[in-house]
Amino acid sequence: MKTGELTIQNYKSYSKEDQKTWSSMYESTLSNFSLGNEKLNKDFSEGLGVLKIKKGEIPNFENLNKLLKPIAGFEIIAVTGELEDNIFFQLIRNRKFPVNVTLPHIFNDMFGKVVLLINRFYGDELVAIAVNATANPSMYGEYRMQFNNTLLDSIKINETNATTAKVD
């Protein structure tokens, strides 16, 4: 049983130690960065820049949503733990991306998926999976796997057709 819940990001609750941990994870990830796919590397780097995700500070969801929503049609929703599949897929279907507010989960969510939401094709693929999942709840497990594998699959399938959203 999954015990995640919707919450709010209480940004002031992050300690100096949390911010240092974020910075350390950020630095370590970028120094070891090589996903072996030029398109994926470009989208990842662009996502960090466009969404202003920096080494020195955990992203503030309110500020991040001001950038993400106009670009990708998605907004970040704060959660704790892992959500039940029905709630998770309903959120994605409605272009609300659940991000766990605790470390190291917030880092994994940001670097693993959120920065890539600026690629419209990628976000649309996640929504399509969620639509199918909500129509077939008995197959949540399969759709969760598909959701988790979509990143690499969508880049491979649509490497030349994927378009990254641009900011004016």
N, C-alpha and C. Protein backbone atom coordinates (compact mmCIF):
# COMPACT_ATOMS: atom_id res chain seq x y z
N MET A 1 0.84 -1.19 0.00
CA MET A 1 0.00 0.00 0.00
C MET A 1 0.88 1.25 0.00
N LYS A 2 0.58 2.14 -0.90
CA LYS A 2 1.33 3.39 -1.01
C LYS A 2 0.72 4.41 -0.05
N THR A 3 1.58 5.19 0.57
CA THR A 3 1.11 6.10 1.62
C THR A 3 1.34 7.57 1.30
N GLY A 4 1.59 7.89 0.05
CA GLY A 4 1.84 9.27 -0.31
C GLY A 4 0.59 10.12 -0.20
N GLU A 5 0.81 11.40 0.01
CA GLU A 5 -0.30 12.34 0.13
C GLU A 5 0.06 13.64 -0.59
N LEU A 6 -0.98 14.33 -1.04
CA LEU A 6 -0.79 15.68 -1.55
C LEU A 6 -0.46 16.58 -0.37
N THR A 7 0.39 17.56 -0.60
CA THR A 7 0.80 18.45 0.48
C THR A 7 1.12 19.81 -0.12
N ILE A 8 1.76 20.65 0.63
CA ILE A 8 2.28 21.90 0.10
C ILE A 8 3.79 21.88 0.32
N GLN A 9 4.51 22.59 -0.50
CA GLN A 9 5.95 22.70 -0.29
C GLN A 9 6.17 23.86 0.67
N ASN A 10 6.56 23.54 1.88
CA ASN A 10 6.90 24.57 2.86
C ASN A 10 8.37 24.88 2.66
N TYR A 11 8.65 25.81 1.75
CA TYR A 11 10.03 26.06 1.34
C TYR A 11 10.91 26.47 2.51
N LYS A 12 10.35 27.18 3.45
CA LYS A 12 11.14 27.65 4.60
C LYS A 12 11.57 26.50 5.52
N SER A 13 10.96 25.33 5.33
CA SER A 13 11.33 24.19 6.18
C SER A 13 12.63 23.51 5.74
N TYR A 14 13.13 23.85 4.54
CA TYR A 14 14.40 23.28 4.10
C TYR A 14 15.54 23.94 4.89
N SER A 15 16.34 23.11 5.51
CA SER A 15 17.46 23.60 6.31
C SER A 15 18.67 23.92 5.43
N LYS A 16 19.66 24.55 6.04
CA LYS A 16 20.92 24.80 5.33
C LYS A 16 21.54 23.47 4.92
N GLU A 17 21.38 22.46 5.74
CA GLU A 17 21.92 21.13 5.43
C GLU A 17 21.19 20.54 4.22
N ASP A 18 19.87 20.73 4.13
CA ASP A 18 19.11 20.28 2.96
C ASP A 18 19.64 20.96 1.69
N GLN A 19 19.87 22.27 1.78
CA GLN A 19 20.37 23.00 0.62
C GLN A 19 21.77 22.52 0.22
N LYS A 20 22.60 22.20 1.22
CA LYS A 20 23.93 21.66 0.94
C LYS A 20 23.82 20.29 0.28
N THR A 21 22.90 19.48 0.76
CA THR A 21 22.69 18.15 0.17
C THR A 21 22.26 18.29 -1.28
N TRP A 22 21.31 19.20 -1.55
CA TRP A 22 20.88 19.47 -2.93
C TRP A 22 22.08 19.85 -3.79
N SER A 23 22.89 20.79 -3.30
CA SER A 23 24.05 21.27 -4.05
C SER A 23 25.02 20.13 -4.34
N SER A 24 25.25 19.29 -3.36
CA SER A 24 26.16 18.16 -3.53
C SER A 24 25.63 17.18 -4.58
N MET A 25 24.34 16.87 -4.51
CA MET A 25 23.73 15.97 -5.48
C MET A 25 23.77 16.58 -6.88
N TYR A 26 23.50 17.86 -6.97
CA TYR A 26 23.52 18.57 -8.25
C TYR A 26 24.91 18.49 -8.87
N GLU A 27 25.91 18.86 -8.08
CA GLU A 27 27.28 18.86 -8.57
C GLU A 27 27.74 17.47 -8.98
N SER A 28 27.43 16.48 -8.16
CA SER A 28 27.82 15.10 -8.46
C SER A 28 27.16 14.60 -9.73
N THR A 29 25.88 14.91 -9.91
CA THR A 29 25.15 14.46 -11.09
C THR A 29 25.72 15.10 -12.35
N LEU A 30 25.94 16.39 -12.32
CA LEU A 30 26.45 17.07 -13.51
C LEU A 30 27.88 16.67 -13.84
N SER A 31 28.68 16.40 -12.81
CA SER A 31 30.07 16.00 -13.10
C SER A 31 30.13 14.59 -13.69
N ASN A 32 29.12 13.78 -13.43
CA ASN A 32 29.06 12.42 -13.98
C ASN A 32 28.07 12.32 -15.13
N PHE A 33 27.62 13.45 -15.63
CA PHE A 33 26.54 13.48 -16.61
C PHE A 33 26.96 12.97 -17.98
N SER A 34 26.31 11.92 -18.40
CA SER A 34 26.48 11.40 -19.75
C SER A 34 25.39 10.36 -19.97
N LEU A 35 24.33 10.79 -20.61
CA LEU A 35 23.23 9.87 -20.86
C LEU A 35 23.39 9.14 -22.18
N GLY A 36 24.46 9.44 -22.90
CA GLY A 36 24.75 8.73 -24.14
C GLY A 36 23.79 9.04 -25.28
N ASN A 37 23.05 10.12 -25.18
CA ASN A 37 22.09 10.47 -26.21
C ASN A 37 22.12 11.99 -26.36
N GLU A 38 22.55 12.45 -27.51
CA GLU A 38 22.73 13.89 -27.73
C GLU A 38 21.44 14.68 -27.52
N LYS A 39 20.32 14.19 -28.04
CA LYS A 39 19.03 14.88 -27.90
C LYS A 39 18.62 14.95 -26.44
N LEU A 40 18.78 13.84 -25.73
CA LEU A 40 18.42 13.80 -24.31
C LEU A 40 19.31 14.75 -23.51
N ASN A 41 20.61 14.75 -23.79
CA ASN A 41 21.53 15.66 -23.10
C ASN A 41 21.13 17.12 -23.34
N LYS A 42 20.78 17.45 -24.58
CA LYS A 42 20.40 18.82 -24.93
C LYS A 42 19.12 19.22 -24.19
N ASP A 43 18.09 18.35 -24.22
CA ASP A 43 16.83 18.65 -23.54
C ASP A 43 17.05 18.79 -22.03
N PHE A 44 17.87 17.92 -21.46
CA PHE A 44 18.15 17.96 -20.03
C PHE A 44 18.82 19.28 -19.66
N SER A 45 19.87 19.63 -20.37
CA SER A 45 20.59 20.88 -20.08
C SER A 45 19.69 22.09 -20.29
N GLU A 46 18.90 22.06 -21.37
CA GLU A 46 17.97 23.16 -21.64
C GLU A 46 16.94 23.29 -20.52
N GLY A 47 16.44 22.15 -20.06
CA GLY A 47 15.44 22.15 -18.99
C GLY A 47 15.97 22.78 -17.72
N LEU A 48 17.22 22.46 -17.36
CA LEU A 48 17.82 23.07 -16.18
C LEU A 48 17.87 24.59 -16.33
N GLY A 49 18.27 25.05 -17.52
CA GLY A 49 18.38 26.49 -17.74
C GLY A 49 17.04 27.19 -17.80
N VAL A 50 16.14 26.66 -18.60
CA VAL A 50 14.82 27.29 -18.78
C VAL A 50 14.06 27.34 -17.46
N LEU A 51 14.15 26.28 -16.67
CA LEU A 51 13.41 26.22 -15.41
C LEU A 51 14.21 26.82 -14.25
N LYS A 52 15.40 27.31 -14.56
CA LYS A 52 16.26 27.98 -13.57
C LYS A 52 16.54 27.09 -12.35
N ILE A 53 16.80 25.82 -12.62
CA ILE A 53 17.15 24.88 -11.55
C ILE A 53 18.65 25.00 -11.35
N LYS A 54 19.03 25.40 -10.14
CA LYS A 54 20.41 25.75 -9.85
C LYS A 54 21.04 24.84 -8.81
N LYS A 55 22.35 24.90 -8.78
CA LYS A 55 23.11 24.12 -7.82
C LYS A 55 22.81 24.55 -6.39
N GLY A 56 22.75 25.81 -6.13
CA GLY A 56 22.72 26.32 -4.77
C GLY A 56 21.39 26.32 -4.06
N GLU A 57 20.30 25.92 -4.74
CA GLU A 57 19.01 25.99 -4.05
C GLU A 57 18.00 24.97 -4.56
N ILE A 58 17.32 24.39 -3.62
CA ILE A 58 16.22 23.48 -3.95
C ILE A 58 15.16 24.31 -4.67
N PRO A 59 14.61 23.82 -5.77
CA PRO A 59 13.61 24.60 -6.50
C PRO A 59 12.36 24.88 -5.66
N ASN A 60 11.89 26.09 -5.78
CA ASN A 60 10.65 26.51 -5.13
C ASN A 60 9.53 26.24 -6.14
N PHE A 61 8.57 25.38 -5.78
CA PHE A 61 7.53 24.96 -6.72
C PHE A 61 6.72 26.12 -7.26
N GLU A 62 6.44 27.10 -6.41
CA GLU A 62 5.64 28.24 -6.86
C GLU A 62 6.36 28.98 -7.99
N ASN A 63 7.65 29.23 -7.82
CA ASN A 63 8.44 29.90 -8.86
C ASN A 63 8.59 29.01 -10.09
N LEU A 64 8.82 27.74 -9.87
CA LEU A 64 9.00 26.79 -10.97
C LEU A 64 7.73 26.71 -11.82
N ASN A 65 6.57 26.69 -11.18
CA ASN A 65 5.31 26.62 -11.93
C ASN A 65 5.07 27.83 -12.81
N LYS A 66 5.56 28.98 -12.39
CA LYS A 66 5.43 30.19 -13.22
C LYS A 66 6.18 30.03 -14.54
N LEU A 67 7.23 29.24 -14.53
CA LEU A 67 8.02 29.00 -15.74
C LEU A 67 7.50 27.79 -16.52
N LEU A 68 7.17 26.73 -15.80
CA LEU A 68 6.81 25.46 -16.43
C LEU A 68 5.44 25.47 -17.09
N LYS A 69 4.46 26.03 -16.43
CA LYS A 69 3.08 25.98 -16.95
C LYS A 69 2.95 26.60 -18.34
N PRO A 70 3.46 27.81 -18.58
CA PRO A 70 3.32 28.39 -19.93
C PRO A 70 4.10 27.61 -21.00
N ILE A 71 5.19 26.98 -20.61
CA ILE A 71 6.02 26.26 -21.57
C ILE A 71 5.44 24.90 -21.90
N ALA A 72 5.06 24.15 -20.86
CA ALA A 72 4.71 22.73 -21.05
C ALA A 72 3.25 22.41 -20.73
N GLY A 73 2.54 23.36 -20.13
CA GLY A 73 1.17 23.07 -19.73
C GLY A 73 1.10 22.23 -18.46
N PHE A 74 2.24 21.94 -17.86
CA PHE A 74 2.31 21.16 -16.62
C PHE A 74 2.54 22.08 -15.45
N GLU A 75 2.11 21.63 -14.29
CA GLU A 75 2.50 22.30 -13.06
C GLU A 75 2.92 21.24 -12.05
N ILE A 76 3.79 21.63 -11.15
CA ILE A 76 4.30 20.74 -10.12
C ILE A 76 3.32 20.73 -8.95
N ILE A 77 3.05 19.54 -8.45
CA ILE A 77 2.20 19.37 -7.27
C ILE A 77 3.06 18.70 -6.20
N ALA A 78 3.08 19.27 -5.01
CA ALA A 78 3.87 18.73 -3.91
C ALA A 78 3.20 17.51 -3.31
N VAL A 79 4.01 16.46 -3.07
CA VAL A 79 3.52 15.24 -2.44
C VAL A 79 4.54 14.74 -1.43
N THR A 80 4.07 13.88 -0.57
CA THR A 80 4.97 13.13 0.31
C THR A 80 4.77 11.67 -0.03
N GLY A 81 5.83 10.92 -0.06
CA GLY A 81 5.72 9.49 -0.34
C GLY A 81 5.29 9.20 -1.77
N GLU A 82 4.89 7.95 -1.99
CA GLU A 82 4.44 7.51 -3.31
C GLU A 82 2.92 7.44 -3.33
N LEU A 83 2.33 8.09 -4.30
CA LEU A 83 0.86 8.15 -4.41
C LEU A 83 0.28 6.85 -4.92
N GLU A 84 -0.94 6.59 -4.53
CA GLU A 84 -1.69 5.48 -5.11
C GLU A 84 -1.80 5.72 -6.60
N ASP A 85 -1.78 4.66 -7.38
CA ASP A 85 -1.77 4.79 -8.83
C ASP A 85 -2.94 5.59 -9.38
N ASN A 86 -4.14 5.39 -8.82
CA ASN A 86 -5.30 6.12 -9.35
C ASN A 86 -5.12 7.63 -9.19
N ILE A 87 -4.58 8.06 -8.07
CA ILE A 87 -4.35 9.49 -7.84
C ILE A 87 -3.21 9.99 -8.73
N PHE A 88 -2.13 9.22 -8.77
CA PHE A 88 -0.97 9.57 -9.58
C PHE A 88 -1.36 9.79 -11.04
N PHE A 89 -2.06 8.82 -11.63
CA PHE A 89 -2.40 8.93 -13.05
C PHE A 89 -3.45 10.01 -13.32
N GLN A 90 -4.35 10.27 -12.37
CA GLN A 90 -5.30 11.37 -12.54
C GLN A 90 -4.56 12.72 -12.58
N LEU A 91 -3.56 12.85 -11.71
CA LEU A 91 -2.79 14.09 -11.71
C LEU A 91 -2.06 14.28 -13.03
N ILE A 92 -1.36 13.25 -13.48
CA ILE A 92 -0.62 13.35 -14.74
C ILE A 92 -1.58 13.64 -15.89
N ARG A 93 -2.70 12.96 -15.90
CA ARG A 93 -3.70 13.18 -16.94
C ARG A 93 -4.10 14.66 -17.02
N ASN A 94 -4.14 15.30 -15.87
CA ASN A 94 -4.52 16.71 -15.79
C ASN A 94 -3.30 17.64 -15.81
N ARG A 95 -2.17 17.10 -16.27
CA ARG A 95 -0.92 17.84 -16.43
C ARG A 95 -0.43 18.46 -15.12
N LYS A 96 -0.57 17.70 -14.06
CA LYS A 96 -0.05 18.07 -12.75
C LYS A 96 0.97 16.99 -12.38
N PHE A 97 2.22 17.39 -12.25
CA PHE A 97 3.28 16.42 -12.02
C PHE A 97 3.62 16.36 -10.54
N PRO A 98 3.37 15.19 -9.89
CA PRO A 98 3.65 15.07 -8.46
C PRO A 98 5.15 14.96 -8.20
N VAL A 99 5.64 15.81 -7.32
CA VAL A 99 7.05 15.79 -6.94
C VAL A 99 7.13 15.67 -5.41
N ASN A 100 7.86 14.66 -4.96
CA ASN A 100 8.05 14.44 -3.53
C ASN A 100 8.93 15.56 -2.98
N VAL A 101 8.46 16.20 -1.91
CA VAL A 101 9.15 17.37 -1.36
C VAL A 101 10.35 17.04 -0.49
N THR A 102 10.58 15.76 -0.21
CA THR A 102 11.69 15.39 0.67
C THR A 102 12.93 15.02 -0.13
N LEU A 103 14.08 15.25 0.47
CA LEU A 103 15.34 14.82 -0.13
C LEU A 103 15.57 13.35 0.17
N PRO A 104 16.10 12.55 -0.71
CA PRO A 104 16.62 12.87 -2.03
C PRO A 104 15.55 12.82 -3.12
N HIS A 105 14.32 12.55 -2.75
CA HIS A 105 13.26 12.35 -3.75
C HIS A 105 13.02 13.57 -4.63
N ILE A 106 13.03 14.76 -4.05
CA ILE A 106 12.81 15.96 -4.83
C ILE A 106 13.87 16.08 -5.93
N PHE A 107 15.10 15.74 -5.58
CA PHE A 107 16.18 15.80 -6.57
C PHE A 107 15.93 14.78 -7.68
N ASN A 108 15.60 13.57 -7.32
CA ASN A 108 15.36 12.53 -8.32
C ASN A 108 14.20 12.89 -9.24
N ASP A 109 13.13 13.45 -8.68
CA ASP A 109 11.98 13.85 -9.49
C ASP A 109 12.35 14.99 -10.44
N MET A 110 13.08 15.98 -9.92
CA MET A 110 13.46 17.13 -10.75
C MET A 110 14.39 16.71 -11.88
N PHE A 111 15.44 15.98 -11.54
CA PHE A 111 16.43 15.61 -12.54
C PHE A 111 15.97 14.44 -13.40
N GLY A 112 15.10 13.60 -12.89
CA GLY A 112 14.67 12.43 -13.64
C GLY A 112 13.56 12.68 -14.64
N LYS A 113 12.71 13.67 -14.38
CA LYS A 113 11.57 13.89 -15.28
C LYS A 113 11.23 15.37 -15.48
N VAL A 114 11.15 16.14 -14.41
CA VAL A 114 10.63 17.50 -14.51
C VAL A 114 11.40 18.36 -15.52
N VAL A 115 12.74 18.30 -15.49
CA VAL A 115 13.50 19.15 -16.43
C VAL A 115 13.20 18.79 -17.88
N LEU A 116 12.73 17.58 -18.12
CA LEU A 116 12.45 17.15 -19.49
C LEU A 116 11.03 17.49 -19.94
N LEU A 117 10.21 17.99 -19.02
CA LEU A 117 8.85 18.38 -19.41
C LEU A 117 8.83 19.56 -20.38
N ILE A 118 9.95 20.26 -20.52
CA ILE A 118 9.97 21.34 -21.51
C ILE A 118 9.90 20.79 -22.93
N ASN A 119 10.14 19.49 -23.08
CA ASN A 119 9.97 18.82 -24.37
C ASN A 119 8.50 18.43 -24.47
N ARG A 120 7.76 19.12 -25.29
CA ARG A 120 6.30 18.94 -25.39
C ARG A 120 5.93 17.49 -25.71
N PHE A 121 6.69 16.86 -26.60
CA PHE A 121 6.42 15.47 -26.96
C PHE A 121 6.49 14.56 -25.73
N TYR A 122 7.50 14.75 -24.94
CA TYR A 122 7.68 13.94 -23.73
C TYR A 122 6.49 14.10 -22.78
N GLY A 123 6.11 15.34 -22.52
CA GLY A 123 4.97 15.58 -21.63
C GLY A 123 3.68 14.99 -22.18
N ASP A 124 3.47 15.13 -23.48
CA ASP A 124 2.27 14.57 -24.11
C ASP A 124 2.25 13.05 -24.01
N GLU A 125 3.42 12.42 -24.12
CA GLU A 125 3.50 10.96 -23.97
C GLU A 125 3.10 10.53 -22.56
N LEU A 126 3.53 11.28 -21.56
CA LEU A 126 3.17 10.96 -20.18
C LEU A 126 1.66 11.09 -19.97
N VAL A 127 1.08 12.12 -20.54
CA VAL A 127 -0.37 12.32 -20.43
C VAL A 127 -1.11 11.18 -21.13
N ALA A 128 -0.64 10.75 -22.29
CA ALA A 128 -1.29 9.65 -23.02
C ALA A 128 -1.25 8.36 -22.20
N ILE A 129 -0.14 8.11 -21.55
CA ILE A 129 -0.05 6.92 -20.69
C ILE A 129 -1.06 7.03 -19.56
N ALA A 130 -1.16 8.20 -18.95
CA ALA A 130 -2.08 8.41 -17.84
C ALA A 130 -3.53 8.25 -18.28
N VAL A 131 -3.87 8.73 -19.46
CA VAL A 131 -5.24 8.57 -19.99
C VAL A 131 -5.55 7.09 -20.14
N ASN A 132 -4.63 6.34 -20.72
CA ASN A 132 -4.83 4.89 -20.88
C ASN A 132 -4.91 4.19 -19.53
N ALA A 133 -4.08 4.60 -18.60
CA ALA A 133 -4.08 3.97 -17.28
C ALA A 133 -5.40 4.20 -16.55
N THR A 134 -5.93 5.43 -16.61
CA THR A 134 -7.18 5.70 -15.91
C THR A 134 -8.36 4.98 -16.56
N ALA A 135 -8.22 4.62 -17.82
CA ALA A 135 -9.27 3.85 -18.51
C ALA A 135 -9.14 2.35 -18.24
N ASN A 136 -7.97 1.92 -17.74
CA ASN A 136 -7.71 0.50 -17.50
C ASN A 136 -7.03 0.30 -16.14
N PRO A 137 -7.73 0.57 -15.04
CA PRO A 137 -7.09 0.51 -13.73
C PRO A 137 -6.51 -0.85 -13.36
N SER A 138 -7.02 -1.91 -13.94
CA SER A 138 -6.49 -3.24 -13.62
C SER A 138 -5.07 -3.41 -14.17
N MET A 139 -4.63 -2.48 -15.00
CA MET A 139 -3.30 -2.57 -15.60
C MET A 139 -2.36 -1.47 -15.09
N TYR A 140 -2.64 -0.92 -13.92
CA TYR A 140 -1.80 0.15 -13.39
C TYR A 140 -0.32 -0.22 -13.35
N GLY A 141 -0.01 -1.42 -12.95
CA GLY A 141 1.39 -1.85 -12.86
C GLY A 141 2.11 -1.72 -14.19
N GLU A 142 1.45 -2.18 -15.25
CA GLU A 142 2.05 -2.09 -16.58
C GLU A 142 2.21 -0.64 -17.02
N TYR A 143 1.19 0.17 -16.72
CA TYR A 143 1.28 1.57 -17.12
C TYR A 143 2.32 2.32 -16.30
N ARG A 144 2.51 1.94 -15.05
CA ARG A 144 3.55 2.57 -14.22
C ARG A 144 4.93 2.26 -14.81
N MET A 145 5.13 1.00 -15.25
CA MET A 145 6.38 0.63 -15.91
C MET A 145 6.57 1.42 -17.20
N GLN A 146 5.51 1.51 -17.98
CA GLN A 146 5.58 2.26 -19.24
C GLN A 146 5.90 3.73 -18.96
N PHE A 147 5.28 4.28 -17.94
CA PHE A 147 5.53 5.67 -17.55
C PHE A 147 7.01 5.86 -17.21
N ASN A 148 7.55 4.95 -16.41
CA ASN A 148 8.95 5.06 -15.99
C ASN A 148 9.92 4.86 -17.15
N ASN A 149 9.52 4.11 -18.16
CA ASN A 149 10.40 3.87 -19.31
C ASN A 149 10.20 4.86 -20.45
N THR A 150 9.21 5.72 -20.35
CA THR A 150 8.86 6.63 -21.44
C THR A 150 9.98 7.57 -21.82
N LEU A 151 10.72 8.01 -20.87
CA LEU A 151 11.79 8.95 -21.15
C LEU A 151 12.70 8.45 -22.27
N LEU A 152 13.32 7.33 -22.08
CA LEU A 152 14.24 6.81 -23.09
C LEU A 152 13.51 6.37 -24.35
N ASP A 153 12.36 5.73 -24.18
CA ASP A 153 11.60 5.27 -25.34
C ASP A 153 11.17 6.42 -26.22
N SER A 154 10.67 7.50 -25.63
CA SER A 154 10.18 8.61 -26.44
C SER A 154 11.32 9.30 -27.17
N ILE A 155 12.47 9.37 -26.55
CA ILE A 155 13.62 9.98 -27.22
C ILE A 155 14.05 9.10 -28.39
N LYS A 156 14.10 7.79 -28.19
CA LYS A 156 14.51 6.88 -29.26
C LYS A 156 13.53 6.93 -30.43
N ILE A 157 12.24 6.85 -30.11
CA ILE A 157 11.21 6.79 -31.15
C ILE A 157 11.11 8.08 -31.92
N ASN A 158 11.21 9.20 -31.24
CA ASN A 158 10.89 10.47 -31.87
C ASN A 158 12.05 11.46 -31.83
N GLU A 159 13.26 10.96 -31.94
CA GLU A 159 14.43 11.80 -31.81
C GLU A 159 14.42 12.99 -32.77
N THR A 160 13.94 12.78 -33.97
CA THR A 160 13.95 13.87 -34.94
C THR A 160 12.68 14.71 -34.90
N ASN A 161 11.61 14.18 -34.32
CA ASN A 161 10.34 14.91 -34.32
C ASN A 161 10.05 15.66 -33.03
N ALA A 162 10.75 15.31 -31.95
CA ALA A 162 10.49 15.96 -30.66
C ALA A 162 10.88 17.42 -30.75
N THR A 163 10.02 18.28 -30.23
CA THR A 163 10.34 19.70 -30.24
C THR A 163 10.37 20.20 -28.81
N THR A 164 11.38 20.95 -28.53
CA THR A 164 11.52 21.53 -27.20
C THR A 164 10.79 22.86 -27.19
N ALA A 165 10.01 23.06 -26.15
CA ALA A 165 9.29 24.33 -26.03
C ALA A 165 10.28 25.46 -25.89
N LYS A 166 9.97 26.57 -26.46
CA LYS A 166 10.85 27.74 -26.42
C LYS A 166 10.23 28.84 -25.55
N VAL A 167 11.08 29.57 -24.90
CA VAL A 167 10.65 30.69 -24.09
C VAL A 167 10.97 31.97 -24.84
N ASP A 168 10.01 32.89 -24.90
CA ASP A 168 10.26 34.17 -25.58
C ASP A 168 11.09 35.07 -24.71
